[in-house]
Protein backbone atom coordinates (compact mmCIF):
# COMPACT_ATOMS: atom_id res chain seq x y z
CA MET A 1 -29.17 24.11 100.47
CA SER A 2 -29.24 27.36 99.09
CA SER A 3 -30.49 28.20 95.79
CA THR A 4 -26.74 29.94 95.04
CA GLU A 5 -24.83 26.36 95.59
CA THR A 6 -24.06 24.23 92.79
CA PRO A 7 -25.63 20.74 92.95
CA LYS A 8 -23.11 18.06 93.33
CA ARG A 9 -22.68 15.39 90.31
CA LYS A 10 -23.25 11.94 91.18
CA PRO A 11 -19.99 9.64 90.96
CA GLY A 12 -19.99 7.66 87.84
CA ARG A 13 -18.47 7.82 84.28
CA PRO A 14 -16.64 11.29 83.49
CA ARG A 15 -18.58 13.90 81.41
CA LYS A 16 -17.70 13.63 77.72
CA LYS A 17 -16.33 16.93 76.49
CA LYS A 18 -17.50 18.44 73.49
CA PRO A 19 -14.46 19.09 71.22
CA SER A 20 -14.17 22.75 69.83
CA ASP A 21 -13.18 23.94 66.42
CA LYS A 22 -9.60 24.70 67.65
CA ASP A 23 -9.33 21.11 68.78
CA ILE A 24 -10.50 19.78 65.39
CA LEU A 25 -8.10 22.18 63.23
CA THR A 26 -5.02 21.24 65.51
CA LYS A 27 -5.71 17.63 66.14
CA LYS A 28 -2.78 15.51 64.38
CA PRO A 29 -4.16 12.78 62.29
CA MET A 30 -3.43 9.31 62.74
CA ALA A 31 -0.22 7.60 61.58
CA GLU A 32 -1.02 5.61 58.54
CA SER A 33 0.35 2.31 58.63
CA VAL A 34 3.51 1.75 56.70
CA VAL A 35 3.98 -1.09 54.04
CA LYS A 36 7.51 -2.34 53.58
CA GLU A 37 8.45 -3.08 49.67
CA SER A 38 9.70 -6.02 49.06
CA PRO A 39 12.97 -6.50 47.37
CA GLU A 40 11.42 -8.39 44.01
CA ALA A 41 9.27 -5.13 43.74
CA ALA A 42 12.09 -2.89 44.49
CA GLN A 43 14.00 -4.48 41.47
CA VAL A 44 11.07 -4.38 38.99
CA ARG A 45 10.79 -0.64 39.79
CA GLU A 46 14.35 0.17 39.12
CA ILE A 47 14.15 -1.89 35.88
CA LEU A 48 10.89 0.14 34.76
CA LYS A 49 12.83 3.20 35.73
CA GLU A 50 15.74 2.42 33.69
CA ALA A 51 13.85 1.39 30.72
CA GLU A 52 12.19 4.74 30.64
CA ALA A 53 15.07 6.78 30.82
CA GLU A 54 16.59 4.92 27.95
CA SER A 55 13.24 5.27 26.09
CA SER A 56 13.53 9.02 26.53
CA LYS A 57 17.33 9.17 25.52
CA LEU A 58 16.06 7.30 22.18
CA LEU A 59 13.50 9.95 21.61
CA GLN A 60 15.75 12.68 22.06
CA SER A 61 18.52 11.08 19.53
CA GLU A 62 16.08 9.93 16.86
CA PRO A 63 16.35 12.38 14.00
CA ASP A 64 13.18 14.33 12.66
CA VAL A 65 11.93 12.05 10.00
CA SER A 66 8.23 13.42 9.48
CA GLY A 67 7.33 13.90 5.67
CA LYS A 68 9.80 12.21 4.40
CA SER A 69 9.90 8.90 2.16
CA PRO A 70 11.09 5.53 3.57
CA ASP A 71 12.95 5.46 -0.01
CA THR A 72 15.34 7.62 0.98
CA ASN A 73 17.25 5.27 3.22
CA PRO A 74 20.33 4.41 1.12
CA SER A 75 20.40 0.92 2.71
CA THR A 76 16.91 -0.07 1.17
CA ASP A 77 17.54 2.14 -1.79
CA PRO A 78 16.78 0.04 -4.97
CA GLY A 79 18.88 2.29 -7.35
CA GLN A 80 15.81 3.87 -9.15
CA ALA A 81 12.97 5.33 -7.34
CA ASP A 82 14.77 8.24 -5.55
CA PHE A 83 15.67 9.98 -8.82
CA ILE A 84 12.34 9.63 -10.45
CA PRO A 85 9.65 10.62 -7.65
CA GLY A 86 6.43 9.64 -8.33
CA THR A 87 7.10 6.76 -11.14
CA ARG A 88 7.12 4.02 -8.91
CA LEU A 89 3.55 2.34 -9.87
CA PRO A 90 2.05 -0.30 -7.91
CA ASP A 91 1.71 -2.32 -10.71
CA LEU A 92 4.78 -4.61 -10.91
CA LEU A 93 4.22 -5.25 -14.68
CA SER A 94 4.34 -1.76 -15.93
CA VAL A 95 7.22 -0.52 -18.10
CA PRO A 96 8.59 2.96 -17.00
CA GLU A 97 8.57 5.43 -20.02
CA LYS A 98 11.55 7.10 -18.39
CA VAL A 99 14.53 5.78 -16.07
CA TYR A 100 17.32 7.22 -14.45
CA ASP A 101 20.72 6.29 -15.98
CA GLU A 102 23.14 5.48 -13.44
CA ARG A 103 26.38 5.76 -15.73
CA THR A 104 25.32 8.87 -17.14
CA GLY A 105 23.68 10.65 -14.31
CA ILE A 106 20.85 11.68 -16.36
CA GLU A 107 17.03 10.82 -16.68
CA ARG A 108 16.16 9.69 -20.35
CA LEU A 109 13.38 7.82 -22.22
CA ALA A 110 13.36 3.98 -21.95
CA SER A 111 10.21 3.11 -23.70
CA LEU A 112 8.05 4.47 -26.37
CA PRO A 113 4.24 3.88 -25.29
CA LYS A 114 2.82 5.83 -27.89
CA GLU A 115 4.62 3.94 -30.83
CA TYR A 116 4.55 0.29 -29.23
CA HIS A 117 2.43 -1.87 -26.96
CA TYR A 118 4.26 -3.64 -24.29
CA CYS A 119 3.28 -6.98 -22.79
CA TRP A 120 4.88 -9.32 -20.22
CA VAL A 121 4.93 -12.87 -21.64
CA GLU A 122 5.49 -16.65 -19.96
CA SER A 123 8.25 -18.52 -22.20
CA SER A 124 5.45 -20.98 -23.17
CA LYS A 125 3.05 -18.34 -24.98
CA ILE A 126 6.17 -16.33 -26.93
CA THR A 127 5.25 -18.74 -30.04
CA GLN A 128 1.64 -17.41 -29.78
CA PHE A 129 2.35 -13.86 -29.42
CA ARG A 130 4.70 -13.95 -32.21
CA VAL A 131 1.93 -15.12 -34.46
CA TRP A 132 -0.02 -12.00 -33.16
CA GLY A 133 2.84 -9.73 -34.42
CA TYR A 134 4.66 -9.24 -31.09
CA ARG A 135 8.27 -9.13 -31.09
CA MET A 136 11.30 -9.29 -28.08
CA CYS A 137 12.37 -6.40 -26.67
CA LEU A 138 16.27 -5.94 -26.52
CA TYR A 139 17.77 -4.24 -23.47
CA ASN A 140 20.14 -2.25 -24.67
CA GLY A 141 17.47 -0.60 -27.10
CA GLY A 142 18.45 0.76 -30.35
CA SER A 143 16.66 0.19 -34.05
CA LEU A 144 14.07 -2.54 -34.05
CA SER A 145 14.33 -3.25 -30.27
CA GLY A 146 10.98 -1.81 -29.29
CA LEU A 147 12.94 0.26 -26.90
CA ALA A 148 14.40 3.89 -27.12
CA ASP A 149 18.06 4.32 -27.39
CA LYS A 150 19.94 2.31 -24.70
CA GLY A 151 17.17 1.06 -23.42
CA PHE A 152 17.27 -0.11 -20.08
CA SER A 153 21.05 -0.20 -19.66
CA GLY A 154 22.81 1.25 -17.04
CA THR A 155 19.27 1.50 -15.05
CA ASN A 156 19.74 -1.76 -12.71
CA LEU A 157 16.04 -2.36 -13.81
CA TYR A 158 14.81 -6.07 -14.59
CA GLU A 159 17.35 -8.57 -16.05
CA ARG A 160 19.43 -8.81 -19.21
CA THR A 161 19.55 -12.57 -20.95
CA LEU A 162 22.27 -13.53 -22.37
CA ASP A 163 20.76 -12.92 -25.96
CA ASN A 164 20.14 -8.91 -24.71
CA LYS A 165 16.31 -9.73 -24.06
CA VAL A 166 14.47 -8.23 -21.15
CA ARG A 167 13.41 -10.79 -18.46
CA HIS A 168 11.54 -9.89 -15.22
CA GLY A 169 10.99 -13.22 -13.04
CA ASP A 170 9.55 -15.98 -15.39
CA VAL A 171 8.13 -13.18 -17.94
CA PHE A 172 9.80 -11.51 -20.93
CA LEU A 173 9.34 -8.18 -22.53
CA MET A 174 7.55 -8.19 -25.81
CA TYR A 175 6.01 -5.13 -28.01
CA VAL A 176 4.11 -4.77 -30.92
CA PRO A 177 3.29 -1.38 -33.02
CA MET A 178 0.48 0.49 -31.69
CA ARG A 179 -1.34 0.30 -35.36
CA ALA A 180 -1.26 -3.36 -35.02
CA TYR A 181 -2.33 -3.62 -31.33
CA GLU A 182 -5.47 -1.52 -32.44
CA ASN A 183 -6.49 -3.74 -35.34
CA LEU A 184 -5.95 -6.93 -32.47
CA LYS A 185 -8.15 -4.78 -30.26
CA ALA A 186 -10.90 -4.49 -33.03
CA GLU A 187 -10.68 -8.03 -34.28
CA GLU A 188 -10.96 -8.97 -30.29
CA ARG A 189 -14.05 -6.79 -29.98
CA LYS A 190 -15.68 -8.10 -33.16
CA LYS A 191 -15.28 -11.48 -31.51
CA LEU A 192 -16.59 -10.94 -28.49
CA GLU A 193 -19.60 -9.25 -29.98
CA ASP A 194 -20.57 -12.25 -32.28
CA TRP A 195 -20.00 -14.44 -29.26
CA ASN A 196 -22.58 -12.11 -27.45
CA ASN A 197 -25.07 -12.26 -30.67
CA VAL A 198 -25.12 -16.15 -30.83
CA PRO A 199 -28.29 -16.66 -28.57
CA LYS A 200 -30.03 -13.85 -30.21
CA THR A 201 -29.31 -15.01 -33.64
CA GLU A 202 -30.37 -18.73 -32.81
CA MET A 203 -33.53 -17.42 -31.14
CA HIS A 204 -34.60 -15.73 -34.76
CA ASN A 205 -33.73 -19.02 -36.52
CA ILE A 206 -35.98 -20.82 -34.43
CA ALA A 207 -38.58 -18.51 -34.77
CA TYR A 208 -38.12 -18.20 -38.56
CA GLY A 209 -38.32 -22.01 -39.23
CA ALA A 210 -41.63 -21.99 -36.87
CA GLY A 211 -43.13 -19.42 -39.25
CA VAL A 212 -42.94 -16.78 -36.65
CA ARG A 213 -41.53 -13.27 -37.58
CA THR A 214 -39.53 -11.71 -35.07
CA PHE A 215 -38.39 -8.21 -34.22
CA GLU A 216 -35.76 -6.45 -32.17
CA GLU A 217 -35.72 -2.86 -30.55
CA VAL A 218 -32.43 -0.76 -32.00
CA ASP A 219 -32.02 2.58 -30.57
CA GLY A 220 -35.54 2.72 -29.34
CA MET A 221 -36.99 1.60 -32.91
CA ILE A 222 -38.73 -1.85 -33.86
CA VAL A 223 -36.81 -3.57 -36.34
CA ASN A 224 -38.75 -6.59 -37.70
CA ASN A 225 -36.40 -9.44 -38.90
């Protein structure tokens, strides 16, 4: 055999051909397995699609209510708060000073907090409050009613009894002049102070009976008893 002749390959398995870069780029991917969708899944998908479409329509048709108060809805309007912004207090037993009169269409005074002190009283306590100087408020206001002229008439606030009293659930509105109220508060403070001083007074009395002189500190100074 000459040196220029190519040696013959022995019979056997075919030689593996190394793929070139061109073959890798042009090679088609294997076909992916196709999963057939069940009728139930298709029905659920259609329902979700319809619900999403309805939600989009509602969002587009809904008016912009950002920054608006829910009290501006006429269906839930109690007939008072919209006309006096900021006067609706969280305290249900508060007595408004100003109200909106629906008959005249103006805002006016209803109570006189600088002249009278108001208090809601349960029916069984009315006699006790009368002893303290309180009187019943009259719904329509006027002289000696505890309220301003016309009171709560035309306001759709509270309830008016047959004898023209102001009722709010199971309590009635009563009033007392502010000077009398200040005197009542002063008497209450004096009574509370006396109650707080009872233990101290008893201690001094016991010590005095035992021949012991006591003292107390008042404003940084020692005062002997």
